[in-house]
Amino acid sequence: MTDLIETYTEEIELGLKHLDYSYKKAQKLSTNSKELDVEELEVWESFVARFSRLTDVFIAKYIRLKILETDPGYRGTLRDYLDMAEKQSIISSADHWMQVRELRNKAAHEYTRDDLSKVFSDVLKHPKLKVLPEVNRCLKNIGNHPKYKSLKILCIS
């Protein structure tokens, strides 16, 4: 399990860097999808895809594995895993991460131009949900593995 935790941690760390890169490009663009040209739309779609992928790896893979590492027989819904992660101080708020998951689901399933504008606006505001600092805090708490003790926090400003 430790090897898998390390693999997910590396995926998350790389995902944070990619998301930060896309965020810096996307924040300069309009959130109105009707005003975007093809290249700008591609920047937005990249940002939303990276946000979705990062939250998937963190919530669906990393959190589940961290819980199963401490309780191999644990079974439950995604909400149950998030509640357990909060109890174990892996995350600070299960409610916060359910909001992130709902935003991810919304981003992954909106297809009309009007819906995309709302998704772009909501996802662009996601740093207010403190997604990146929270993920980084979790990574820093992995334990005593020397490779991860000095992870830098990527702050999206």
C-alpha atoms as a PDB file:
ATOM      1  CA  MET A   1       0.000   0.000   0.000  1.00  0.00           C
ATOM      2  CA  THR A   2       2.880   2.365   0.729  1.00  0.00           C
ATOM      3  CA  ASP A   3       4.047   2.176  -2.891  1.00  0.00           C
ATOM      4  CA  LEU A   4       0.578   3.091  -4.076  1.00  0.00           C
ATOM      5  CA  ILE A   5       0.400   6.013  -1.620  1.00  0.00           C
ATOM      6  CA  GLU A   6       3.713   7.248  -3.038  1.00  0.00           C
ATOM      7  CA  THR A   7       2.413   6.847  -6.596  1.00  0.00           C
ATOM      8  CA  TYR A   8      -0.753   8.825  -5.821  1.00  0.00           C
ATOM      9  CA  THR A   9       1.268  11.444  -3.968  1.00  0.00           C
ATOM     10  CA  GLU A  10       3.503  11.925  -6.995  1.00  0.00           C
ATOM     11  CA  GLU A  11       0.428  12.128  -9.267  1.00  0.00           C
ATOM     12  CA  ILE A  12      -1.106  14.751  -6.979  1.00  0.00           C
ATOM     13  CA  GLU A  13       2.090  16.764  -6.757  1.00  0.00           C
ATOM     14  CA  LEU A  14       2.427  16.822 -10.558  1.00  0.00           C
ATOM     15  CA  GLY A  15      -1.295  17.512 -10.922  1.00  0.00           C
ATOM     16  CA  LEU A  16      -0.981  20.537  -8.624  1.00  0.00           C
ATOM     17  CA  LYS A  17       1.801  21.969 -10.763  1.00  0.00           C
ATOM     18  CA  HIS A  18      -0.217  21.431 -13.947  1.00  0.00           C
ATOM     19  CA  LEU A  19      -3.348  22.917 -12.393  1.00  0.00           C
ATOM     20  CA  ASP A  20      -1.412  25.941 -11.193  1.00  0.00           C
ATOM     21  CA  TYR A  21      -0.042  26.453 -14.720  1.00  0.00           C
ATOM     22  CA  SER A  22      -3.526  26.214 -16.261  1.00  0.00           C
ATOM     23  CA  TYR A  23      -5.024  28.439 -13.576  1.00  0.00           C
ATOM     24  CA  LYS A  24      -2.568  31.227 -14.311  1.00  0.00           C
ATOM     25  CA  LYS A  25      -3.591  31.122 -17.970  1.00  0.00           C
ATOM     26  CA  ALA A  26      -7.333  30.746 -17.348  1.00  0.00           C
ATOM     27  CA  GLN A  27      -7.648  33.548 -14.813  1.00  0.00           C
ATOM     28  CA  LYS A  28      -6.730  36.038 -17.559  1.00  0.00           C
ATOM     29  CA  LEU A  29      -9.650  34.924 -19.746  1.00  0.00           C
ATOM     30  CA  SER A  30     -13.342  35.683 -19.737  1.00  0.00           C
ATOM     31  CA  THR A  31     -15.564  33.104 -18.088  1.00  0.00           C
ATOM     32  CA  ASN A  32     -18.221  33.751 -20.727  1.00  0.00           C
ATOM     33  CA  SER A  33     -17.795  30.823 -23.090  1.00  0.00           C
ATOM     34  CA  LYS A  34     -19.550  32.761 -25.893  1.00  0.00           C
ATOM     35  CA  GLU A  35     -16.723  35.317 -25.899  1.00  0.00           C
ATOM     36  CA  LEU A  36     -13.927  32.750 -26.199  1.00  0.00           C
ATOM     37  CA  ASP A  37     -12.090  31.794 -29.349  1.00  0.00           C
ATOM     38  CA  VAL A  38     -10.965  28.211 -29.946  1.00  0.00           C
ATOM     39  CA  GLU A  39      -7.577  28.658 -28.238  1.00  0.00           C
ATOM     40  CA  GLU A  40      -9.093  30.315 -25.170  1.00  0.00           C
ATOM     41  CA  LEU A  41     -11.717  27.606 -24.932  1.00  0.00           C
ATOM     42  CA  GLU A  42      -8.921  25.047 -25.023  1.00  0.00           C
ATOM     43  CA  VAL A  43      -7.197  26.790 -22.083  1.00  0.00           C
ATOM     44  CA  TRP A  44     -10.435  26.632 -20.082  1.00  0.00           C
ATOM     45  CA  GLU A  45     -11.095  23.036 -20.948  1.00  0.00           C
ATOM     46  CA  SER A  46      -7.552  22.119 -19.932  1.00  0.00           C
ATOM     47  CA  PHE A  47      -7.975  23.882 -16.601  1.00  0.00           C
ATOM     48  CA  VAL A  48     -11.317  22.189 -15.878  1.00  0.00           C
ATOM     49  CA  ALA A  49      -9.962  18.768 -16.913  1.00  0.00           C
ATOM     50  CA  ARG A  50      -6.921  19.183 -14.660  1.00  0.00           C
ATOM     51  CA  PHE A  51      -9.108  20.299 -11.768  1.00  0.00           C
ATOM     52  CA  SER A  52     -11.328  17.248 -12.275  1.00  0.00           C
ATOM     53  CA  ARG A  53      -8.418  14.826 -12.589  1.00  0.00           C
ATOM     54  CA  LEU A  54      -6.648  16.192  -9.505  1.00  0.00           C
ATOM     55  CA  THR A  55      -9.758  16.012  -7.355  1.00  0.00           C
ATOM     56  CA  ASP A  56     -10.454  12.479  -8.608  1.00  0.00           C
ATOM     57  CA  VAL A  57      -6.994  11.251  -7.680  1.00  0.00           C
ATOM     58  CA  PHE A  58      -7.067  12.979  -4.316  1.00  0.00           C
ATOM     59  CA  ILE A  59     -10.593  12.050  -3.230  1.00  0.00           C
ATOM     60  CA  ALA A  60     -11.296   8.758  -4.961  1.00  0.00           C
ATOM     61  CA  LYS A  61      -7.837   7.219  -4.767  1.00  0.00           C
ATOM     62  CA  TYR A  62      -5.622   8.893  -2.169  1.00  0.00           C
ATOM     63  CA  ILE A  63      -8.234   9.410   0.581  1.00  0.00           C
ATOM     64  CA  ARG A  64      -9.681   5.927   0.145  1.00  0.00           C
ATOM     65  CA  LEU A  65      -6.255   4.327   0.286  1.00  0.00           C
ATOM     66  CA  LYS A  66      -5.241   6.337   3.378  1.00  0.00           C
ATOM     67  CA  ILE A  67      -8.386   5.120   5.168  1.00  0.00           C
ATOM     68  CA  LEU A  68      -7.864   1.513   4.072  1.00  0.00           C
ATOM     69  CA  GLU A  69      -4.260   1.742   5.246  1.00  0.00           C
ATOM     70  CA  THR A  70      -5.476   2.302   8.816  1.00  0.00           C
ATOM     71  CA  ASP A  71      -8.590   0.117   8.551  1.00  0.00           C
ATOM     72  CA  PRO A  72      -8.301  -2.503   5.770  1.00  0.00           C
ATOM     73  CA  GLY A  73     -11.849  -3.732   6.336  1.00  0.00           C
ATOM     74  CA  TYR A  74     -13.457  -0.298   6.056  1.00  0.00           C
ATOM     75  CA  ARG A  75     -16.298   0.010   3.536  1.00  0.00           C
ATOM     76  CA  GLY A  76     -18.592   2.892   2.804  1.00  0.00           C
ATOM     77  CA  THR A  77     -19.719   5.591   0.437  1.00  0.00           C
ATOM     78  CA  LEU A  78     -17.514   8.435  -0.718  1.00  0.00           C
ATOM     79  CA  ARG A  79     -19.089  10.575   2.006  1.00  0.00           C
ATOM     80  CA  ASP A  80     -18.238   7.905   4.597  1.00  0.00           C
ATOM     81  CA  TYR A  81     -14.600   7.921   3.475  1.00  0.00           C
ATOM     82  CA  LEU A  82     -14.456  11.718   3.662  1.00  0.00           C
ATOM     83  CA  ASP A  83     -16.032  11.692   7.137  1.00  0.00           C
ATOM     84  CA  MET A  84     -13.457   9.118   8.264  1.00  0.00           C
ATOM     85  CA  ALA A  85     -10.650  11.175   6.711  1.00  0.00           C
ATOM     86  CA  GLU A  86     -11.847  14.203   8.678  1.00  0.00           C
ATOM     87  CA  LYS A  87     -11.957  12.159  11.895  1.00  0.00           C
ATOM     88  CA  GLN A  88      -8.386  11.006  11.238  1.00  0.00           C
ATOM     89  CA  SER A  89      -7.311  14.621  10.502  1.00  0.00           C
ATOM     90  CA  ILE A  90      -6.308  13.738   6.948  1.00  0.00           C
ATOM     91  CA  ILE A  91      -8.601  16.528   5.730  1.00  0.00           C
ATOM     92  CA  SER A  92     -10.020  19.419   7.693  1.00  0.00           C
ATOM     93  CA  SER A  93     -13.605  19.232   6.428  1.00  0.00           C
ATOM     94  CA  ALA A  94     -15.619  16.463   4.782  1.00  0.00           C
ATOM     95  CA  ASP A  95     -18.259  19.035   3.790  1.00  0.00           C
ATOM     96  CA  HIS A  96     -15.624  21.083   1.980  1.00  0.00           C
ATOM     97  CA  TRP A  97     -14.492  18.063  -0.020  1.00  0.00           C
ATOM     98  CA  MET A  98     -18.080  17.096  -0.868  1.00  0.00           C
ATOM     99  CA  GLN A  99     -18.471  20.611  -2.334  1.00  0.00           C
ATOM    100  CA  VAL A 100     -15.291  20.092  -4.339  1.00  0.00           C
ATOM    101  CA  ARG A 101     -16.598  16.738  -5.577  1.00  0.00           C
ATOM    102  CA  GLU A 102     -19.939  18.284  -6.554  1.00  0.00           C
ATOM    103  CA  LEU A 103     -18.106  21.006  -8.479  1.00  0.00           C
ATOM    104  CA  ARG A 104     -15.980  18.349 -10.190  1.00  0.00           C
ATOM    105  CA  ASN A 105     -19.091  16.394 -11.180  1.00  0.00           C
ATOM    106  CA  LYS A 106     -20.754  19.530 -12.486  1.00  0.00           C
ATOM    107  CA  ALA A 107     -17.643  20.432 -14.507  1.00  0.00           C
ATOM    108  CA  ALA A 108     -17.454  16.954 -16.007  1.00  0.00           C
ATOM    109  CA  HIS A 109     -21.090  16.861 -17.147  1.00  0.00           C
ATOM    110  CA  GLU A 110     -21.937  20.338 -18.466  1.00  0.00           C
ATOM    111  CA  TYR A 111     -22.079  20.596 -22.219  1.00  0.00           C
ATOM    112  CA  THR A 112     -23.987  23.698 -23.379  1.00  0.00           C
ATOM    113  CA  ARG A 113     -22.170  26.998 -23.816  1.00  0.00           C
ATOM    114  CA  ASP A 114     -24.268  28.640 -21.073  1.00  0.00           C
ATOM    115  CA  ASP A 115     -23.528  25.779 -18.694  1.00  0.00           C
ATOM    116  CA  LEU A 116     -19.816  26.016 -19.524  1.00  0.00           C
ATOM    117  CA  SER A 117     -19.759  29.707 -18.583  1.00  0.00           C
ATOM    118  CA  LYS A 118     -21.145  28.858 -15.144  1.00  0.00           C
ATOM    119  CA  VAL A 119     -18.704  25.969 -14.731  1.00  0.00           C
ATOM    120  CA  PHE A 120     -15.739  28.157 -15.731  1.00  0.00           C
ATOM    121  CA  SER A 121     -16.782  30.820 -13.249  1.00  0.00           C
ATOM    122  CA  ASP A 122     -17.332  28.310 -10.434  1.00  0.00           C
ATOM    123  CA  VAL A 123     -14.107  26.404 -11.028  1.00  0.00           C
ATOM    124  CA  LEU A 124     -12.104  29.612 -11.349  1.00  0.00           C
ATOM    125  CA  LYS A 125     -13.360  30.566  -7.900  1.00  0.00           C
ATOM    126  CA  HIS A 126     -12.332  27.163  -6.529  1.00  0.00           C
ATOM    127  CA  PRO A 127      -9.243  28.515  -4.705  1.00  0.00           C
ATOM    128  CA  LYS A 128     -11.738  30.125  -2.337  1.00  0.00           C
ATOM    129  CA  LEU A 129     -12.690  26.547  -1.480  1.00  0.00           C
ATOM    130  CA  LYS A 130      -9.022  26.154  -0.527  1.00  0.00           C
ATOM    131  CA  VAL A 131      -8.544  23.052  -2.654  1.00  0.00           C
ATOM    132  CA  LEU A 132      -4.843  23.427  -3.355  1.00  0.00           C
ATOM    133  CA  PRO A 133      -3.692  24.417   0.138  1.00  0.00           C
ATOM    134  CA  GLU A 134      -5.782  21.592   1.610  1.00  0.00           C
ATOM    135  CA  VAL A 135      -4.312  18.998  -0.751  1.00  0.00           C
ATOM    136  CA  ASN A 136      -0.827  20.241   0.032  1.00  0.00           C
ATOM    137  CA  ARG A 137      -1.477  20.104   3.781  1.00  0.00           C
ATOM    138  CA  CYS A 138      -2.532  16.481   3.377  1.00  0.00           C
ATOM    139  CA  LEU A 139       0.576  15.670   1.377  1.00  0.00           C
ATOM    140  CA  LYS A 140       2.790  17.272   3.991  1.00  0.00           C
ATOM    141  CA  ASN A 141       1.163  15.059   6.618  1.00  0.00           C
ATOM    142  CA  ILE A 142       1.985  11.821   4.821  1.00  0.00           C
ATOM    143  CA  GLY A 143       4.495  10.938   7.468  1.00  0.00           C
ATOM    144  CA  ASN A 144       8.225  10.701   7.803  1.00  0.00           C
ATOM    145  CA  HIS A 145       9.008   9.708   4.230  1.00  0.00           C
ATOM    146  CA  PRO A 146      11.987  11.966   3.409  1.00  0.00           C
ATOM    147  CA  LYS A 147      10.855  12.487  -0.170  1.00  0.00           C
ATOM    148  CA  TYR A 148       7.675  14.213   0.961  1.00  0.00           C
ATOM    149  CA  LYS A 149       8.726  16.008   4.133  1.00  0.00           C
ATOM    150  CA  SER A 150       9.683  19.158   2.269  1.00  0.00           C
ATOM    151  CA  LEU A 151       6.896  19.490  -0.284  1.00  0.00           C
ATOM    152  CA  LYS A 152       6.373  23.098  -1.212  1.00  0.00           C
ATOM    153  CA  ILE A 153       2.886  24.474  -0.985  1.00  0.00           C
ATOM    154  CA  LEU A 154       1.650  25.669  -4.362  1.00  0.00           C
ATOM    155  CA  CYS A 155      -0.477  28.699  -3.676  1.00  0.00           C
ATOM    156  CA  ILE A 156      -2.724  29.995  -6.369  1.00  0.00           C
ATOM    157  CA  SER A 157      -3.004  33.709  -5.879  1.00  0.00           C
END
